[in-house]
Amino acid sequence: MPKVVIYTTDYCPFCTRAKALLRSKQVDFEEIDVSRDPLLQDEVRRLSGRRTVPQIFVDGTSVGGFDELSELDAAGELDRLLGIEP
């Protein structure tokens, strides 16, 4: 299964939704909470080019945030990306 990393904050409802979607797929992920760490906030901006969270990466490739994750799921592409058998 691919490595999934999600950058979050502890007060973000979209982060909660993204984690719930990944859990519903039974996907293990590494969560990096950037709430109180400016260096981690800079890191996620550098990696994703975005200032918002969540930012989700699959095998080091940026997937985007919750909206993009949800769109991939609706299109049937998320399972393929995560290596989940139909």
N, C-alpha and C. Protein backbone atom coordinates (compact mmCIF):
# COMPACT_ATOMS: atom_id res chain seq x y z
N MET A 1 0.85 -1.17 0.00
CA MET A 1 0.00 0.00 0.00
C MET A 1 0.90 1.25 0.00
N PRO A 2 0.52 2.28 -0.73
CA PRO A 2 1.32 3.50 -0.79
C PRO A 2 1.40 4.20 0.57
N LYS A 3 2.44 4.99 0.75
CA LYS A 3 2.59 5.77 1.97
C LYS A 3 1.74 7.04 1.84
N VAL A 4 0.88 7.26 2.83
CA VAL A 4 0.00 8.43 2.84
C VAL A 4 0.38 9.31 4.01
N VAL A 5 0.61 10.59 3.72
CA VAL A 5 0.94 11.58 4.74
C VAL A 5 -0.08 12.69 4.63
N ILE A 6 -0.62 13.11 5.79
CA ILE A 6 -1.59 14.19 5.80
C ILE A 6 -1.14 15.24 6.82
N TYR A 7 -0.99 16.46 6.34
CA TYR A 7 -0.66 17.60 7.19
C TYR A 7 -1.98 18.22 7.67
N THR A 8 -2.09 18.42 8.97
CA THR A 8 -3.34 18.86 9.56
C THR A 8 -3.11 19.94 10.61
N THR A 9 -4.23 20.49 11.08
CA THR A 9 -4.24 21.26 12.32
C THR A 9 -5.32 20.66 13.19
N ASP A 10 -5.23 20.94 14.48
CA ASP A 10 -6.19 20.31 15.40
C ASP A 10 -7.55 20.97 15.40
N TYR A 11 -7.71 22.07 14.68
CA TYR A 11 -8.98 22.81 14.68
C TYR A 11 -9.63 22.86 13.29
N CYS A 12 -9.21 21.99 12.40
CA CYS A 12 -9.65 22.04 11.01
C CYS A 12 -10.71 20.97 10.72
N PRO A 13 -11.95 21.38 10.41
CA PRO A 13 -12.98 20.38 10.11
C PRO A 13 -12.71 19.59 8.83
N PHE A 14 -12.04 20.21 7.87
CA PHE A 14 -11.73 19.50 6.63
C PHE A 14 -10.67 18.43 6.87
N CYS A 15 -9.78 18.68 7.83
CA CYS A 15 -8.79 17.67 8.22
C CYS A 15 -9.49 16.46 8.82
N THR A 16 -10.45 16.73 9.67
CA THR A 16 -11.23 15.65 10.29
C THR A 16 -11.94 14.82 9.23
N ARG A 17 -12.51 15.48 8.26
CA ARG A 17 -13.22 14.77 7.18
C ARG A 17 -12.26 13.94 6.33
N ALA A 18 -11.10 14.52 6.02
CA ALA A 18 -10.12 13.79 5.20
C ALA A 18 -9.64 12.54 5.93
N LYS A 19 -9.36 12.66 7.22
CA LYS A 19 -8.92 11.51 8.00
C LYS A 19 -10.03 10.46 8.08
N ALA A 20 -11.26 10.89 8.23
CA ALA A 20 -12.38 9.95 8.27
C ALA A 20 -12.53 9.19 6.95
N LEU A 21 -12.36 9.90 5.84
CA LEU A 21 -12.45 9.24 4.53
C LEU A 21 -11.34 8.21 4.38
N LEU A 22 -10.12 8.57 4.77
CA LEU A 22 -9.02 7.62 4.66
C LEU A 22 -9.24 6.42 5.59
N ARG A 23 -9.73 6.68 6.78
CA ARG A 23 -10.02 5.57 7.71
C ARG A 23 -11.12 4.66 7.16
N SER A 24 -12.11 5.26 6.50
CA SER A 24 -13.20 4.44 5.93
C SER A 24 -12.67 3.50 4.85
N LYS A 25 -11.55 3.88 4.25
CA LYS A 25 -10.90 3.04 3.24
C LYS A 25 -9.90 2.09 3.88
N GLN A 26 -9.80 2.15 5.22
CA GLN A 26 -8.86 1.34 5.99
C GLN A 26 -7.42 1.59 5.56
N VAL A 27 -7.11 2.87 5.34
CA VAL A 27 -5.79 3.28 4.91
C VAL A 27 -5.02 3.81 6.12
N ASP A 28 -3.83 3.27 6.32
CA ASP A 28 -2.94 3.82 7.34
C ASP A 28 -2.33 5.09 6.79
N PHE A 29 -2.19 6.08 7.66
CA PHE A 29 -1.57 7.33 7.22
C PHE A 29 -0.77 7.93 8.36
N GLU A 30 0.20 8.73 7.98
CA GLU A 30 0.99 9.49 8.95
C GLU A 30 0.39 10.88 9.01
N GLU A 31 0.04 11.30 10.20
CA GLU A 31 -0.52 12.63 10.39
C GLU A 31 0.56 13.54 10.97
N ILE A 32 0.72 14.69 10.34
CA ILE A 32 1.66 15.69 10.84
C ILE A 32 0.86 16.93 11.18
N ASP A 33 0.75 17.20 12.47
CA ASP A 33 -0.01 18.35 12.97
C ASP A 33 0.89 19.59 12.94
N VAL A 34 0.50 20.56 12.14
CA VAL A 34 1.30 21.78 11.98
C VAL A 34 0.74 22.94 12.79
N SER A 35 -0.22 22.66 13.67
CA SER A 35 -0.94 23.70 14.40
C SER A 35 -0.03 24.72 15.08
N ARG A 36 0.97 24.25 15.75
CA ARG A 36 1.78 25.13 16.59
C ARG A 36 3.25 25.16 16.19
N ASP A 37 3.54 24.79 14.95
CA ASP A 37 4.93 24.72 14.52
C ASP A 37 5.12 25.47 13.20
N PRO A 38 5.61 26.70 13.27
CA PRO A 38 5.80 27.49 12.05
C PRO A 38 6.73 26.83 11.03
N LEU A 39 7.70 26.07 11.50
CA LEU A 39 8.61 25.39 10.57
C LEU A 39 7.87 24.31 9.78
N LEU A 40 6.99 23.57 10.44
CA LEU A 40 6.20 22.57 9.73
C LEU A 40 5.20 23.24 8.79
N GLN A 41 4.65 24.39 9.19
CA GLN A 41 3.74 25.13 8.31
C GLN A 41 4.48 25.57 7.05
N ASP A 42 5.72 26.04 7.21
CA ASP A 42 6.53 26.40 6.05
C ASP A 42 6.83 25.19 5.18
N GLU A 43 7.09 24.04 5.82
CA GLU A 43 7.40 22.83 5.07
C GLU A 43 6.22 22.40 4.19
N VAL A 44 5.02 22.41 4.75
CA VAL A 44 3.86 21.98 3.95
C VAL A 44 3.59 22.97 2.83
N ARG A 45 3.82 24.25 3.06
CA ARG A 45 3.66 25.25 1.98
C ARG A 45 4.67 24.99 0.87
N ARG A 46 5.90 24.70 1.26
CA ARG A 46 6.95 24.44 0.27
C ARG A 46 6.63 23.18 -0.53
N LEU A 47 6.16 22.14 0.14
CA LEU A 47 5.89 20.87 -0.53
C LEU A 47 4.66 20.92 -1.42
N SER A 48 3.63 21.64 -0.97
CA SER A 48 2.36 21.62 -1.70
C SER A 48 2.10 22.87 -2.52
N GLY A 49 2.77 23.97 -2.16
CA GLY A 49 2.49 25.23 -2.82
C GLY A 49 1.20 25.87 -2.32
N ARG A 50 0.66 25.34 -1.24
CA ARG A 50 -0.60 25.84 -0.69
C ARG A 50 -0.43 26.21 0.77
N ARG A 51 -1.32 27.09 1.24
CA ARG A 51 -1.27 27.54 2.62
C ARG A 51 -2.32 26.86 3.50
N THR A 52 -3.20 26.08 2.91
CA THR A 52 -4.32 25.50 3.65
C THR A 52 -4.03 24.05 4.05
N VAL A 53 -4.76 23.60 5.05
CA VAL A 53 -4.73 22.20 5.44
C VAL A 53 -6.14 21.66 5.34
N PRO A 54 -6.31 20.40 5.14
CA PRO A 54 -5.25 19.40 5.08
C PRO A 54 -4.52 19.45 3.74
N GLN A 55 -3.32 18.95 3.76
CA GLN A 55 -2.59 18.68 2.53
C GLN A 55 -2.21 17.20 2.59
N ILE A 56 -2.57 16.49 1.53
CA ILE A 56 -2.45 15.04 1.52
C ILE A 56 -1.46 14.64 0.43
N PHE A 57 -0.57 13.73 0.81
CA PHE A 57 0.44 13.23 -0.12
C PHE A 57 0.36 11.71 -0.17
N VAL A 58 0.43 11.17 -1.37
CA VAL A 58 0.46 9.73 -1.57
C VAL A 58 1.77 9.42 -2.26
N ASP A 59 2.60 8.64 -1.57
CA ASP A 59 3.95 8.32 -2.07
C ASP A 59 4.70 9.59 -2.50
N GLY A 60 4.56 10.64 -1.71
CA GLY A 60 5.30 11.88 -1.94
C GLY A 60 4.69 12.81 -2.96
N THR A 61 3.61 12.42 -3.60
CA THR A 61 2.95 13.26 -4.58
C THR A 61 1.74 13.94 -3.95
N SER A 62 1.65 15.24 -4.14
CA SER A 62 0.55 16.00 -3.56
C SER A 62 -0.76 15.63 -4.24
N VAL A 63 -1.76 15.28 -3.42
CA VAL A 63 -3.10 15.00 -3.91
C VAL A 63 -3.96 16.25 -3.77
N GLY A 64 -3.59 17.12 -2.84
CA GLY A 64 -4.36 18.33 -2.56
C GLY A 64 -4.97 18.24 -1.18
N GLY A 65 -6.13 18.86 -1.03
CA GLY A 65 -6.82 18.88 0.25
C GLY A 65 -8.01 17.96 0.26
N PHE A 66 -8.92 18.23 1.18
CA PHE A 66 -10.09 17.36 1.31
C PHE A 66 -10.96 17.38 0.06
N ASP A 67 -11.16 18.55 -0.53
CA ASP A 67 -12.00 18.62 -1.73
C ASP A 67 -11.46 17.73 -2.83
N GLU A 68 -10.15 17.79 -3.06
CA GLU A 68 -9.55 16.98 -4.11
C GLU A 68 -9.62 15.49 -3.77
N LEU A 69 -9.40 15.16 -2.49
CA LEU A 69 -9.50 13.78 -2.05
C LEU A 69 -10.90 13.24 -2.28
N SER A 70 -11.89 14.04 -1.93
CA SER A 70 -13.29 13.67 -2.10
C SER A 70 -13.64 13.51 -3.58
N GLU A 71 -13.13 14.39 -4.42
CA GLU A 71 -13.38 14.30 -5.86
C GLU A 71 -12.77 13.03 -6.44
N LEU A 72 -11.55 12.70 -5.99
CA LEU A 72 -10.92 11.46 -6.44
C LEU A 72 -11.77 10.25 -6.05
N ASP A 73 -12.30 10.29 -4.83
CA ASP A 73 -13.14 9.18 -4.37
C ASP A 73 -14.41 9.08 -5.21
N ALA A 74 -15.06 10.21 -5.46
CA ALA A 74 -16.30 10.21 -6.24
C ALA A 74 -16.07 9.71 -7.67
N ALA A 75 -14.89 9.99 -8.20
CA ALA A 75 -14.57 9.57 -9.56
C ALA A 75 -14.07 8.12 -9.62
N GLY A 76 -13.92 7.49 -8.46
CA GLY A 76 -13.43 6.12 -8.43
C GLY A 76 -11.93 6.00 -8.56
N GLU A 77 -11.22 7.11 -8.50
CA GLU A 77 -9.77 7.11 -8.67
C GLU A 77 -9.01 6.93 -7.36
N LEU A 78 -9.65 7.24 -6.24
CA LEU A 78 -8.94 7.17 -4.97
C LEU A 78 -8.52 5.74 -4.64
N ASP A 79 -9.39 4.79 -4.84
CA ASP A 79 -9.04 3.39 -4.57
C ASP A 79 -7.84 2.96 -5.40
N ARG A 80 -7.83 3.32 -6.66
CA ARG A 80 -6.69 2.96 -7.53
C ARG A 80 -5.41 3.60 -7.00
N LEU A 81 -5.49 4.87 -6.66
CA LEU A 81 -4.33 5.59 -6.17
C LEU A 81 -3.78 4.97 -4.89
N LEU A 82 -4.70 4.49 -4.05
CA LEU A 82 -4.31 3.91 -2.77
C LEU A 82 -3.99 2.42 -2.86
N GLY A 83 -4.15 1.85 -4.05
CA GLY A 83 -3.84 0.43 -4.24
C GLY A 83 -4.89 -0.48 -3.64
N ILE A 84 -6.12 -0.01 -3.55
CA ILE A 84 -7.21 -0.80 -3.00
C ILE A 84 -7.87 -1.57 -4.14
N GLU A 85 -7.97 -2.88 -3.94
CA GLU A 85 -8.59 -3.72 -4.96
C GLU A 85 -10.09 -3.48 -5.02
N PRO A 86 -10.67 -3.48 -6.23
CA PRO A 86 -12.12 -3.28 -6.36
C PRO A 86 -12.92 -4.43 -5.77
